[in-house]
């Protein structure tokens, strides 16, 4: 909401490990 704040997304994806049934 603040006009003087710059929000930056440093990462757009993440490497994860899981069983296939749990893959989001």
PDBML (XML) file of the C-alpha atoms, coordinates in Angstrom:
<?xml version="1.0" encoding="UTF-8" ?>
<PDBx:datablock datablockName="MODEL"
   xmlns:PDBx="http://pdbml.pdb.org/schema/pdbx-v50.xsd"
   xmlns:xsi="http://www.w3.org/2001/XMLSchema-instance"
   xsi:schemaLocation="http://pdbml.pdb.org/schema/pdbx-v50.xsd pdbx-v50.xsd">
   <PDBx:atom_siteCategory>
      <PDBx:atom_site id="1">
         <PDBx:B_iso_or_equiv>0.00</PDBx:B_iso_or_equiv>
         <PDBx:Cartn_x>0.000</PDBx:Cartn_x>
         <PDBx:Cartn_y>0.000</PDBx:Cartn_y>
         <PDBx:Cartn_z>0.000</PDBx:Cartn_z>
         <PDBx:auth_asym_id>A</PDBx:auth_asym_id>
         <PDBx:auth_atom_id>CA</PDBx:auth_atom_id>
         <PDBx:auth_comp_id>UNK</PDBx:auth_comp_id>
         <PDBx:auth_seq_id>1</PDBx:auth_seq_id>
         <PDBx:group_PDB>ATOM</PDBx:group_PDB>
         <PDBx:label_alt_id xsi:nil="true" />
         <PDBx:label_asym_id>A</PDBx:label_asym_id>
         <PDBx:label_atom_id>CA</PDBx:label_atom_id>
         <PDBx:label_comp_id>UNK</PDBx:label_comp_id>
         <PDBx:label_entity_id>1</PDBx:label_entity_id>
         <PDBx:label_seq_id>1</PDBx:label_seq_id>
         <PDBx:occupancy>1.00</PDBx:occupancy>
         <PDBx:pdbx_PDB_model_num>1</PDBx:pdbx_PDB_model_num>
         <PDBx:type_symbol>C</PDBx:type_symbol>
      </PDBx:atom_site>
      <PDBx:atom_site id="2">
         <PDBx:B_iso_or_equiv>0.00</PDBx:B_iso_or_equiv>
         <PDBx:Cartn_x>2.974</PDBx:Cartn_x>
         <PDBx:Cartn_y>2.328</PDBx:Cartn_y>
         <PDBx:Cartn_z>0.509</PDBx:Cartn_z>
         <PDBx:auth_asym_id>A</PDBx:auth_asym_id>
         <PDBx:auth_atom_id>CA</PDBx:auth_atom_id>
         <PDBx:auth_comp_id>UNK</PDBx:auth_comp_id>
         <PDBx:auth_seq_id>2</PDBx:auth_seq_id>
         <PDBx:group_PDB>ATOM</PDBx:group_PDB>
         <PDBx:label_alt_id xsi:nil="true" />
         <PDBx:label_asym_id>A</PDBx:label_asym_id>
         <PDBx:label_atom_id>CA</PDBx:label_atom_id>
         <PDBx:label_comp_id>UNK</PDBx:label_comp_id>
         <PDBx:label_entity_id>1</PDBx:label_entity_id>
         <PDBx:label_seq_id>2</PDBx:label_seq_id>
         <PDBx:occupancy>1.00</PDBx:occupancy>
         <PDBx:pdbx_PDB_model_num>1</PDBx:pdbx_PDB_model_num>
         <PDBx:type_symbol>C</PDBx:type_symbol>
      </PDBx:atom_site>
      <PDBx:atom_site id="3">
         <PDBx:B_iso_or_equiv>0.00</PDBx:B_iso_or_equiv>
         <PDBx:Cartn_x>3.849</PDBx:Cartn_x>
         <PDBx:Cartn_y>4.407</PDBx:Cartn_y>
         <PDBx:Cartn_z>-2.530</PDBx:Cartn_z>
         <PDBx:auth_asym_id>A</PDBx:auth_asym_id>
         <PDBx:auth_atom_id>CA</PDBx:auth_atom_id>
         <PDBx:auth_comp_id>UNK</PDBx:auth_comp_id>
         <PDBx:auth_seq_id>3</PDBx:auth_seq_id>
         <PDBx:group_PDB>ATOM</PDBx:group_PDB>
         <PDBx:label_alt_id xsi:nil="true" />
         <PDBx:label_asym_id>A</PDBx:label_asym_id>
         <PDBx:label_atom_id>CA</PDBx:label_atom_id>
         <PDBx:label_comp_id>UNK</PDBx:label_comp_id>
         <PDBx:label_entity_id>1</PDBx:label_entity_id>
         <PDBx:label_seq_id>3</PDBx:label_seq_id>
         <PDBx:occupancy>1.00</PDBx:occupancy>
         <PDBx:pdbx_PDB_model_num>1</PDBx:pdbx_PDB_model_num>
         <PDBx:type_symbol>C</PDBx:type_symbol>
      </PDBx:atom_site>
      <PDBx:atom_site id="4">
         <PDBx:B_iso_or_equiv>0.00</PDBx:B_iso_or_equiv>
         <PDBx:Cartn_x>7.504</PDBx:Cartn_x>
         <PDBx:Cartn_y>4.748</PDBx:Cartn_y>
         <PDBx:Cartn_z>-1.497</PDBx:Cartn_z>
         <PDBx:auth_asym_id>A</PDBx:auth_asym_id>
         <PDBx:auth_atom_id>CA</PDBx:auth_atom_id>
         <PDBx:auth_comp_id>UNK</PDBx:auth_comp_id>
         <PDBx:auth_seq_id>4</PDBx:auth_seq_id>
         <PDBx:group_PDB>ATOM</PDBx:group_PDB>
         <PDBx:label_alt_id xsi:nil="true" />
         <PDBx:label_asym_id>A</PDBx:label_asym_id>
         <PDBx:label_atom_id>CA</PDBx:label_atom_id>
         <PDBx:label_comp_id>UNK</PDBx:label_comp_id>
         <PDBx:label_entity_id>1</PDBx:label_entity_id>
         <PDBx:label_seq_id>4</PDBx:label_seq_id>
         <PDBx:occupancy>1.00</PDBx:occupancy>
         <PDBx:pdbx_PDB_model_num>1</PDBx:pdbx_PDB_model_num>
         <PDBx:type_symbol>C</PDBx:type_symbol>
      </PDBx:atom_site>
      <PDBx:atom_site id="5">
         <PDBx:B_iso_or_equiv>0.00</PDBx:B_iso_or_equiv>
         <PDBx:Cartn_x>8.193</PDBx:Cartn_x>
         <PDBx:Cartn_y>1.032</PDBx:Cartn_y>
         <PDBx:Cartn_z>-0.973</PDBx:Cartn_z>
         <PDBx:auth_asym_id>A</PDBx:auth_asym_id>
         <PDBx:auth_atom_id>CA</PDBx:auth_atom_id>
         <PDBx:auth_comp_id>UNK</PDBx:auth_comp_id>
         <PDBx:auth_seq_id>5</PDBx:auth_seq_id>
         <PDBx:group_PDB>ATOM</PDBx:group_PDB>
         <PDBx:label_alt_id xsi:nil="true" />
         <PDBx:label_asym_id>A</PDBx:label_asym_id>
         <PDBx:label_atom_id>CA</PDBx:label_atom_id>
         <PDBx:label_comp_id>UNK</PDBx:label_comp_id>
         <PDBx:label_entity_id>1</PDBx:label_entity_id>
         <PDBx:label_seq_id>5</PDBx:label_seq_id>
         <PDBx:occupancy>1.00</PDBx:occupancy>
         <PDBx:pdbx_PDB_model_num>1</PDBx:pdbx_PDB_model_num>
         <PDBx:type_symbol>C</PDBx:type_symbol>
      </PDBx:atom_site>
      <PDBx:atom_site id="6">
         <PDBx:B_iso_or_equiv>0.00</PDBx:B_iso_or_equiv>
         <PDBx:Cartn_x>9.590</PDBx:Cartn_x>
         <PDBx:Cartn_y>-1.168</PDBx:Cartn_y>
         <PDBx:Cartn_z>-3.736</PDBx:Cartn_z>
         <PDBx:auth_asym_id>A</PDBx:auth_asym_id>
         <PDBx:auth_atom_id>CA</PDBx:auth_atom_id>
         <PDBx:auth_comp_id>UNK</PDBx:auth_comp_id>
         <PDBx:auth_seq_id>6</PDBx:auth_seq_id>
         <PDBx:group_PDB>ATOM</PDBx:group_PDB>
         <PDBx:label_alt_id xsi:nil="true" />
         <PDBx:label_asym_id>A</PDBx:label_asym_id>
         <PDBx:label_atom_id>CA</PDBx:label_atom_id>
         <PDBx:label_comp_id>UNK</PDBx:label_comp_id>
         <PDBx:label_entity_id>1</PDBx:label_entity_id>
         <PDBx:label_seq_id>6</PDBx:label_seq_id>
         <PDBx:occupancy>1.00</PDBx:occupancy>
         <PDBx:pdbx_PDB_model_num>1</PDBx:pdbx_PDB_model_num>
         <PDBx:type_symbol>C</PDBx:type_symbol>
      </PDBx:atom_site>
      <PDBx:atom_site id="7">
         <PDBx:B_iso_or_equiv>0.00</PDBx:B_iso_or_equiv>
         <PDBx:Cartn_x>8.717</PDBx:Cartn_x>
         <PDBx:Cartn_y>-4.873</PDBx:Cartn_y>
         <PDBx:Cartn_z>-3.391</PDBx:Cartn_z>
         <PDBx:auth_asym_id>A</PDBx:auth_asym_id>
         <PDBx:auth_atom_id>CA</PDBx:auth_atom_id>
         <PDBx:auth_comp_id>UNK</PDBx:auth_comp_id>
         <PDBx:auth_seq_id>7</PDBx:auth_seq_id>
         <PDBx:group_PDB>ATOM</PDBx:group_PDB>
         <PDBx:label_alt_id xsi:nil="true" />
         <PDBx:label_asym_id>A</PDBx:label_asym_id>
         <PDBx:label_atom_id>CA</PDBx:label_atom_id>
         <PDBx:label_comp_id>UNK</PDBx:label_comp_id>
         <PDBx:label_entity_id>1</PDBx:label_entity_id>
         <PDBx:label_seq_id>7</PDBx:label_seq_id>
         <PDBx:occupancy>1.00</PDBx:occupancy>
         <PDBx:pdbx_PDB_model_num>1</PDBx:pdbx_PDB_model_num>
         <PDBx:type_symbol>C</PDBx:type_symbol>
      </PDBx:atom_site>
      <PDBx:atom_site id="8">
         <PDBx:B_iso_or_equiv>0.00</PDBx:B_iso_or_equiv>
         <PDBx:Cartn_x>11.022</PDBx:Cartn_x>
         <PDBx:Cartn_y>-7.180</PDBx:Cartn_y>
         <PDBx:Cartn_z>-5.329</PDBx:Cartn_z>
         <PDBx:auth_asym_id>A</PDBx:auth_asym_id>
         <PDBx:auth_atom_id>CA</PDBx:auth_atom_id>
         <PDBx:auth_comp_id>UNK</PDBx:auth_comp_id>
         <PDBx:auth_seq_id>8</PDBx:auth_seq_id>
         <PDBx:group_PDB>ATOM</PDBx:group_PDB>
         <PDBx:label_alt_id xsi:nil="true" />
         <PDBx:label_asym_id>A</PDBx:label_asym_id>
         <PDBx:label_atom_id>CA</PDBx:label_atom_id>
         <PDBx:label_comp_id>UNK</PDBx:label_comp_id>
         <PDBx:label_entity_id>1</PDBx:label_entity_id>
         <PDBx:label_seq_id>8</PDBx:label_seq_id>
         <PDBx:occupancy>1.00</PDBx:occupancy>
         <PDBx:pdbx_PDB_model_num>1</PDBx:pdbx_PDB_model_num>
         <PDBx:type_symbol>C</PDBx:type_symbol>
      </PDBx:atom_site>
      <PDBx:atom_site id="9">
         <PDBx:B_iso_or_equiv>0.00</PDBx:B_iso_or_equiv>
         <PDBx:Cartn_x>10.486</PDBx:Cartn_x>
         <PDBx:Cartn_y>-10.890</PDBx:Cartn_y>
         <PDBx:Cartn_z>-6.007</PDBx:Cartn_z>
         <PDBx:auth_asym_id>A</PDBx:auth_asym_id>
         <PDBx:auth_atom_id>CA</PDBx:auth_atom_id>
         <PDBx:auth_comp_id>UNK</PDBx:auth_comp_id>
         <PDBx:auth_seq_id>9</PDBx:auth_seq_id>
         <PDBx:group_PDB>ATOM</PDBx:group_PDB>
         <PDBx:label_alt_id xsi:nil="true" />
         <PDBx:label_asym_id>A</PDBx:label_asym_id>
         <PDBx:label_atom_id>CA</PDBx:label_atom_id>
         <PDBx:label_comp_id>UNK</PDBx:label_comp_id>
         <PDBx:label_entity_id>1</PDBx:label_entity_id>
         <PDBx:label_seq_id>9</PDBx:label_seq_id>
         <PDBx:occupancy>1.00</PDBx:occupancy>
         <PDBx:pdbx_PDB_model_num>1</PDBx:pdbx_PDB_model_num>
         <PDBx:type_symbol>C</PDBx:type_symbol>
      </PDBx:atom_site>
      <PDBx:atom_site id="10">
         <PDBx:B_iso_or_equiv>0.00</PDBx:B_iso_or_equiv>
         <PDBx:Cartn_x>14.032</PDBx:Cartn_x>
         <PDBx:Cartn_y>-12.244</PDBx:Cartn_y>
         <PDBx:Cartn_z>-5.930</PDBx:Cartn_z>
         <PDBx:auth_asym_id>A</PDBx:auth_asym_id>
         <PDBx:auth_atom_id>CA</PDBx:auth_atom_id>
         <PDBx:auth_comp_id>UNK</PDBx:auth_comp_id>
         <PDBx:auth_seq_id>10</PDBx:auth_seq_id>
         <PDBx:group_PDB>ATOM</PDBx:group_PDB>
         <PDBx:label_alt_id xsi:nil="true" />
         <PDBx:label_asym_id>A</PDBx:label_asym_id>
         <PDBx:label_atom_id>CA</PDBx:label_atom_id>
         <PDBx:label_comp_id>UNK</PDBx:label_comp_id>
         <PDBx:label_entity_id>1</PDBx:label_entity_id>
         <PDBx:label_seq_id>10</PDBx:label_seq_id>
         <PDBx:occupancy>1.00</PDBx:occupancy>
         <PDBx:pdbx_PDB_model_num>1</PDBx:pdbx_PDB_model_num>
         <PDBx:type_symbol>C</PDBx:type_symbol>
      </PDBx:atom_site>
      <PDBx:atom_site id="11">
         <PDBx:B_iso_or_equiv>0.00</PDBx:B_iso_or_equiv>
         <PDBx:Cartn_x>12.983</PDBx:Cartn_x>
         <PDBx:Cartn_y>-15.788</PDBx:Cartn_y>
         <PDBx:Cartn_z>-6.876</PDBx:Cartn_z>
         <PDBx:auth_asym_id>A</PDBx:auth_asym_id>
         <PDBx:auth_atom_id>CA</PDBx:auth_atom_id>
         <PDBx:auth_comp_id>UNK</PDBx:auth_comp_id>
         <PDBx:auth_seq_id>11</PDBx:auth_seq_id>
         <PDBx:group_PDB>ATOM</PDBx:group_PDB>
         <PDBx:label_alt_id xsi:nil="true" />
         <PDBx:label_asym_id>A</PDBx:label_asym_id>
         <PDBx:label_atom_id>CA</PDBx:label_atom_id>
         <PDBx:label_comp_id>UNK</PDBx:label_comp_id>
         <PDBx:label_entity_id>1</PDBx:label_entity_id>
         <PDBx:label_seq_id>11</PDBx:label_seq_id>
         <PDBx:occupancy>1.00</PDBx:occupancy>
         <PDBx:pdbx_PDB_model_num>1</PDBx:pdbx_PDB_model_num>
         <PDBx:type_symbol>C</PDBx:type_symbol>
      </PDBx:atom_site>
      <PDBx:atom_site id="12">
         <PDBx:B_iso_or_equiv>0.00</PDBx:B_iso_or_equiv>
         <PDBx:Cartn_x>10.064</PDBx:Cartn_x>
         <PDBx:Cartn_y>-16.969</PDBx:Cartn_y>
         <PDBx:Cartn_z>-8.980</PDBx:Cartn_z>
         <PDBx:auth_asym_id>A</PDBx:auth_asym_id>
         <PDBx:auth_atom_id>CA</PDBx:auth_atom_id>
         <PDBx:auth_comp_id>UNK</PDBx:auth_comp_id>
         <PDBx:auth_seq_id>12</PDBx:auth_seq_id>
         <PDBx:group_PDB>ATOM</PDBx:group_PDB>
         <PDBx:label_alt_id xsi:nil="true" />
         <PDBx:label_asym_id>A</PDBx:label_asym_id>
         <PDBx:label_atom_id>CA</PDBx:label_atom_id>
         <PDBx:label_comp_id>UNK</PDBx:label_comp_id>
         <PDBx:label_entity_id>1</PDBx:label_entity_id>
         <PDBx:label_seq_id>12</PDBx:label_seq_id>
         <PDBx:occupancy>1.00</PDBx:occupancy>
         <PDBx:pdbx_PDB_model_num>1</PDBx:pdbx_PDB_model_num>
         <PDBx:type_symbol>C</PDBx:type_symbol>
      </PDBx:atom_site>
      <PDBx:atom_site id="13">
         <PDBx:B_iso_or_equiv>0.00</PDBx:B_iso_or_equiv>
         <PDBx:Cartn_x>10.517</PDBx:Cartn_x>
         <PDBx:Cartn_y>-20.707</PDBx:Cartn_y>
         <PDBx:Cartn_z>-8.359</PDBx:Cartn_z>
         <PDBx:auth_asym_id>A</PDBx:auth_asym_id>
         <PDBx:auth_atom_id>CA</PDBx:auth_atom_id>
         <PDBx:auth_comp_id>UNK</PDBx:auth_comp_id>
         <PDBx:auth_seq_id>13</PDBx:auth_seq_id>
         <PDBx:group_PDB>ATOM</PDBx:group_PDB>
         <PDBx:label_alt_id xsi:nil="true" />
         <PDBx:label_asym_id>A</PDBx:label_asym_id>
         <PDBx:label_atom_id>CA</PDBx:label_atom_id>
         <PDBx:label_comp_id>UNK</PDBx:label_comp_id>
         <PDBx:label_entity_id>1</PDBx:label_entity_id>
         <PDBx:label_seq_id>13</PDBx:label_seq_id>
         <PDBx:occupancy>1.00</PDBx:occupancy>
         <PDBx:pdbx_PDB_model_num>1</PDBx:pdbx_PDB_model_num>
         <PDBx:type_symbol>C</PDBx:type_symbol>
      </PDBx:atom_site>
      <PDBx:atom_site id="14">
         <PDBx:B_iso_or_equiv>0.00</PDBx:B_iso_or_equiv>
         <PDBx:Cartn_x>12.096</PDBx:Cartn_x>
         <PDBx:Cartn_y>-23.026</PDBx:Cartn_y>
         <PDBx:Cartn_z>-5.818</PDBx:Cartn_z>
         <PDBx:auth_asym_id>A</PDBx:auth_asym_id>
         <PDBx:auth_atom_id>CA</PDBx:auth_atom_id>
         <PDBx:auth_comp_id>UNK</PDBx:auth_comp_id>
         <PDBx:auth_seq_id>14</PDBx:auth_seq_id>
         <PDBx:group_PDB>ATOM</PDBx:group_PDB>
         <PDBx:label_alt_id xsi:nil="true" />
         <PDBx:label_asym_id>A</PDBx:label_asym_id>
         <PDBx:label_atom_id>CA</PDBx:label_atom_id>
         <PDBx:label_comp_id>UNK</PDBx:label_comp_id>
         <PDBx:label_entity_id>1</PDBx:label_entity_id>
         <PDBx:label_seq_id>14</PDBx:label_seq_id>
         <PDBx:occupancy>1.00</PDBx:occupancy>
         <PDBx:pdbx_PDB_model_num>1</PDBx:pdbx_PDB_model_num>
         <PDBx:type_symbol>C</PDBx:type_symbol>
      </PDBx:atom_site>
      <PDBx:atom_site id="15">
         <PDBx:B_iso_or_equiv>0.00</PDBx:B_iso_or_equiv>
         <PDBx:Cartn_x>13.720</PDBx:Cartn_x>
         <PDBx:Cartn_y>-26.451</PDBx:Cartn_y>
         <PDBx:Cartn_z>-6.031</PDBx:Cartn_z>
         <PDBx:auth_asym_id>A</PDBx:auth_asym_id>
         <PDBx:auth_atom_id>CA</PDBx:auth_atom_id>
         <PDBx:auth_comp_id>UNK</PDBx:auth_comp_id>
         <PDBx:auth_seq_id>15</PDBx:auth_seq_id>
         <PDBx:group_PDB>ATOM</PDBx:group_PDB>
         <PDBx:label_alt_id xsi:nil="true" />
         <PDBx:label_asym_id>A</PDBx:label_asym_id>
         <PDBx:label_atom_id>CA</PDBx:label_atom_id>
         <PDBx:label_comp_id>UNK</PDBx:label_comp_id>
         <PDBx:label_entity_id>1</PDBx:label_entity_id>
         <PDBx:label_seq_id>15</PDBx:label_seq_id>
         <PDBx:occupancy>1.00</PDBx:occupancy>
         <PDBx:pdbx_PDB_model_num>1</PDBx:pdbx_PDB_model_num>
         <PDBx:type_symbol>C</PDBx:type_symbol>
      </PDBx:atom_site>
      <PDBx:atom_site id="16">
         <PDBx:B_iso_or_equiv>0.00</PDBx:B_iso_or_equiv>
         <PDBx:Cartn_x>11.971</PDBx:Cartn_x>
         <PDBx:Cartn_y>-28.986</PDBx:Cartn_y>
         <PDBx:Cartn_z>-3.787</PDBx:Cartn_z>
         <PDBx:auth_asym_id>A</PDBx:auth_asym_id>
         <PDBx:auth_atom_id>CA</PDBx:auth_atom_id>
         <PDBx:auth_comp_id>UNK</PDBx:auth_comp_id>
         <PDBx:auth_seq_id>16</PDBx:auth_seq_id>
         <PDBx:group_PDB>ATOM</PDBx:group_PDB>
         <PDBx:label_alt_id xsi:nil="true" />
         <PDBx:label_asym_id>A</PDBx:label_asym_id>
         <PDBx:label_atom_id>CA</PDBx:label_atom_id>
         <PDBx:label_comp_id>UNK</PDBx:label_comp_id>
         <PDBx:label_entity_id>1</PDBx:label_entity_id>
         <PDBx:label_seq_id>16</PDBx:label_seq_id>
         <PDBx:occupancy>1.00</PDBx:occupancy>
         <PDBx:pdbx_PDB_model_num>1</PDBx:pdbx_PDB_model_num>
         <PDBx:type_symbol>C</PDBx:type_symbol>
      </PDBx:atom_site>
      <PDBx:atom_site id="17">
         <PDBx:B_iso_or_equiv>0.00</PDBx:B_iso_or_equiv>
         <PDBx:Cartn_x>12.065</PDBx:Cartn_x>
         <PDBx:Cartn_y>-32.710</PDBx:Cartn_y>
         <PDBx:Cartn_z>-3.006</PDBx:Cartn_z>
         <PDBx:auth_asym_id>A</PDBx:auth_asym_id>
         <PDBx:auth_atom_id>CA</PDBx:auth_atom_id>
         <PDBx:auth_comp_id>UNK</PDBx:auth_comp_id>
         <PDBx:auth_seq_id>17</PDBx:auth_seq_id>
         <PDBx:group_PDB>ATOM</PDBx:group_PDB>
         <PDBx:label_alt_id xsi:nil="true" />
         <PDBx:label_asym_id>A</PDBx:label_asym_id>
         <PDBx:label_atom_id>CA</PDBx:label_atom_id>
         <PDBx:label_comp_id>UNK</PDBx:label_comp_id>
         <PDBx:label_entity_id>1</PDBx:label_entity_id>
         <PDBx:label_seq_id>17</PDBx:label_seq_id>
         <PDBx:occupancy>1.00</PDBx:occupancy>
         <PDBx:pdbx_PDB_model_num>1</PDBx:pdbx_PDB_model_num>
         <PDBx:type_symbol>C</PDBx:type_symbol>
      </PDBx:atom_site>
      <PDBx:atom_site id="18">
         <PDBx:B_iso_or_equiv>0.00</PDBx:B_iso_or_equiv>
         <PDBx:Cartn_x>9.055</PDBx:Cartn_x>
         <PDBx:Cartn_y>-34.883</PDBx:Cartn_y>
         <PDBx:Cartn_z>-2.219</PDBx:Cartn_z>
         <PDBx:auth_asym_id>A</PDBx:auth_asym_id>
         <PDBx:auth_atom_id>CA</PDBx:auth_atom_id>
         <PDBx:auth_comp_id>UNK</PDBx:auth_comp_id>
         <PDBx:auth_seq_id>18</PDBx:auth_seq_id>
         <PDBx:group_PDB>ATOM</PDBx:group_PDB>
         <PDBx:label_alt_id xsi:nil="true" />
         <PDBx:label_asym_id>A</PDBx:label_asym_id>
         <PDBx:label_atom_id>CA</PDBx:label_atom_id>
         <PDBx:label_comp_id>UNK</PDBx:label_comp_id>
         <PDBx:label_entity_id>1</PDBx:label_entity_id>
         <PDBx:label_seq_id>18</PDBx:label_seq_id>
         <PDBx:occupancy>1.00</PDBx:occupancy>
         <PDBx:pdbx_PDB_model_num>1</PDBx:pdbx_PDB_model_num>
         <PDBx:type_symbol>C</PDBx:type_symbol>
      </PDBx:atom_site>
      <PDBx:atom_site id="19">
         <PDBx:B_iso_or_equiv>0.00</PDBx:B_iso_or_equiv>
         <PDBx:Cartn_x>7.270</PDBx:Cartn_x>
         <PDBx:Cartn_y>-38.073</PDBx:Cartn_y>
         <PDBx:Cartn_z>-3.172</PDBx:Cartn_z>
         <PDBx:auth_asym_id>A</PDBx:auth_asym_id>
         <PDBx:auth_atom_id>CA</PDBx:auth_atom_id>
         <PDBx:auth_comp_id>UNK</PDBx:auth_comp_id>
         <PDBx:auth_seq_id>19</PDBx:auth_seq_id>
         <PDBx:group_PDB>ATOM</PDBx:group_PDB>
         <PDBx:label_alt_id xsi:nil="true" />
         <PDBx:label_asym_id>A</PDBx:label_asym_id>
         <PDBx:label_atom_id>CA</PDBx:label_atom_id>
         <PDBx:label_comp_id>UNK</PDBx:label_comp_id>
         <PDBx:label_entity_id>1</PDBx:label_entity_id>
         <PDBx:label_seq_id>19</PDBx:label_seq_id>
         <PDBx:occupancy>1.00</PDBx:occupancy>
         <PDBx:pdbx_PDB_model_num>1</PDBx:pdbx_PDB_model_num>
         <PDBx:type_symbol>C</PDBx:type_symbol>
      </PDBx:atom_site>
      <PDBx:atom_site id="20">
         <PDBx:B_iso_or_equiv>0.00</PDBx:B_iso_or_equiv>
         <PDBx:Cartn_x>5.360</PDBx:Cartn_x>
         <PDBx:Cartn_y>-37.790</PDBx:Cartn_y>
         <PDBx:Cartn_z>-6.458</PDBx:Cartn_z>
         <PDBx:auth_asym_id>A</PDBx:auth_asym_id>
         <PDBx:auth_atom_id>CA</PDBx:auth_atom_id>
         <PDBx:auth_comp_id>UNK</PDBx:auth_comp_id>
         <PDBx:auth_seq_id>20</PDBx:auth_seq_id>
         <PDBx:group_PDB>ATOM</PDBx:group_PDB>
         <PDBx:label_alt_id xsi:nil="true" />
         <PDBx:label_asym_id>A</PDBx:label_asym_id>
         <PDBx:label_atom_id>CA</PDBx:label_atom_id>
         <PDBx:label_comp_id>UNK</PDBx:label_comp_id>
         <PDBx:label_entity_id>1</PDBx:label_entity_id>
         <PDBx:label_seq_id>20</PDBx:label_seq_id>
         <PDBx:occupancy>1.00</PDBx:occupancy>
         <PDBx:pdbx_PDB_model_num>1</PDBx:pdbx_PDB_model_num>
         <PDBx:type_symbol>C</PDBx:type_symbol>
      </PDBx:atom_site>
      <PDBx:atom_site id="21">
         <PDBx:B_iso_or_equiv>0.00</PDBx:B_iso_or_equiv>
         <PDBx:Cartn_x>2.002</PDBx:Cartn_x>
         <PDBx:Cartn_y>-37.877</PDBx:Cartn_y>
         <PDBx:Cartn_z>-4.645</PDBx:Cartn_z>
         <PDBx:auth_asym_id>A</PDBx:auth_asym_id>
         <PDBx:auth_atom_id>CA</PDBx:auth_atom_id>
         <PDBx:auth_comp_id>UNK</PDBx:auth_comp_id>
         <PDBx:auth_seq_id>21</PDBx:auth_seq_id>
         <PDBx:group_PDB>ATOM</PDBx:group_PDB>
         <PDBx:label_alt_id xsi:nil="true" />
         <PDBx:label_asym_id>A</PDBx:label_asym_id>
         <PDBx:label_atom_id>CA</PDBx:label_atom_id>
         <PDBx:label_comp_id>UNK</PDBx:label_comp_id>
         <PDBx:label_entity_id>1</PDBx:label_entity_id>
         <PDBx:label_seq_id>21</PDBx:label_seq_id>
         <PDBx:occupancy>1.00</PDBx:occupancy>
         <PDBx:pdbx_PDB_model_num>1</PDBx:pdbx_PDB_model_num>
         <PDBx:type_symbol>C</PDBx:type_symbol>
      </PDBx:atom_site>
      <PDBx:atom_site id="22">
         <PDBx:B_iso_or_equiv>0.00</PDBx:B_iso_or_equiv>
         <PDBx:Cartn_x>2.988</PDBx:Cartn_x>
         <PDBx:Cartn_y>-34.774</PDBx:Cartn_y>
         <PDBx:Cartn_z>-2.656</PDBx:Cartn_z>
         <PDBx:auth_asym_id>A</PDBx:auth_asym_id>
         <PDBx:auth_atom_id>CA</PDBx:auth_atom_id>
         <PDBx:auth_comp_id>UNK</PDBx:auth_comp_id>
         <PDBx:auth_seq_id>22</PDBx:auth_seq_id>
         <PDBx:group_PDB>ATOM</PDBx:group_PDB>
         <PDBx:label_alt_id xsi:nil="true" />
         <PDBx:label_asym_id>A</PDBx:label_asym_id>
         <PDBx:label_atom_id>CA</PDBx:label_atom_id>
         <PDBx:label_comp_id>UNK</PDBx:label_comp_id>
         <PDBx:label_entity_id>1</PDBx:label_entity_id>
         <PDBx:label_seq_id>22</PDBx:label_seq_id>
         <PDBx:occupancy>1.00</PDBx:occupancy>
         <PDBx:pdbx_PDB_model_num>1</PDBx:pdbx_PDB_model_num>
         <PDBx:type_symbol>C</PDBx:type_symbol>
      </PDBx:atom_site>
      <PDBx:atom_site id="23">
         <PDBx:B_iso_or_equiv>0.00</PDBx:B_iso_or_equiv>
         <PDBx:Cartn_x>4.255</PDBx:Cartn_x>
         <PDBx:Cartn_y>-32.678</PDBx:Cartn_y>
         <PDBx:Cartn_z>-5.579</PDBx:Cartn_z>
         <PDBx:auth_asym_id>A</PDBx:auth_asym_id>
         <PDBx:auth_atom_id>CA</PDBx:auth_atom_id>
         <PDBx:auth_comp_id>UNK</PDBx:auth_comp_id>
         <PDBx:auth_seq_id>23</PDBx:auth_seq_id>
         <PDBx:group_PDB>ATOM</PDBx:group_PDB>
         <PDBx:label_alt_id xsi:nil="true" />
         <PDBx:label_asym_id>A</PDBx:label_asym_id>
         <PDBx:label_atom_id>CA</PDBx:label_atom_id>
         <PDBx:label_comp_id>UNK</PDBx:label_comp_id>
         <PDBx:label_entity_id>1</PDBx:label_entity_id>
         <PDBx:label_seq_id>23</PDBx:label_seq_id>
         <PDBx:occupancy>1.00</PDBx:occupancy>
         <PDBx:pdbx_PDB_model_num>1</PDBx:pdbx_PDB_model_num>
         <PDBx:type_symbol>C</PDBx:type_symbol>
      </PDBx:atom_site>
      <PDBx:atom_site id="24">
         <PDBx:B_iso_or_equiv>0.00</PDBx:B_iso_or_equiv>
         <PDBx:Cartn_x>2.466</PDBx:Cartn_x>
         <PDBx:Cartn_y>-29.283</PDBx:Cartn_y>
         <PDBx:Cartn_z>-5.572</PDBx:Cartn_z>
         <PDBx:auth_asym_id>A</PDBx:auth_asym_id>
         <PDBx:auth_atom_id>CA</PDBx:auth_atom_id>
         <PDBx:auth_comp_id>UNK</PDBx:auth_comp_id>
         <PDBx:auth_seq_id>24</PDBx:auth_seq_id>
         <PDBx:group_PDB>ATOM</PDBx:group_PDB>
         <PDBx:label_alt_id xsi:nil="true" />
         <PDBx:label_asym_id>A</PDBx:label_asym_id>
         <PDBx:label_atom_id>CA</PDBx:label_atom_id>
         <PDBx:label_comp_id>UNK</PDBx:label_comp_id>
         <PDBx:label_entity_id>1</PDBx:label_entity_id>
         <PDBx:label_seq_id>24</PDBx:label_seq_id>
         <PDBx:occupancy>1.00</PDBx:occupancy>
         <PDBx:pdbx_PDB_model_num>1</PDBx:pdbx_PDB_model_num>
         <PDBx:type_symbol>C</PDBx:type_symbol>
      </PDBx:atom_site>
   </PDBx:atom_siteCategory>
</PDBx:datablock>
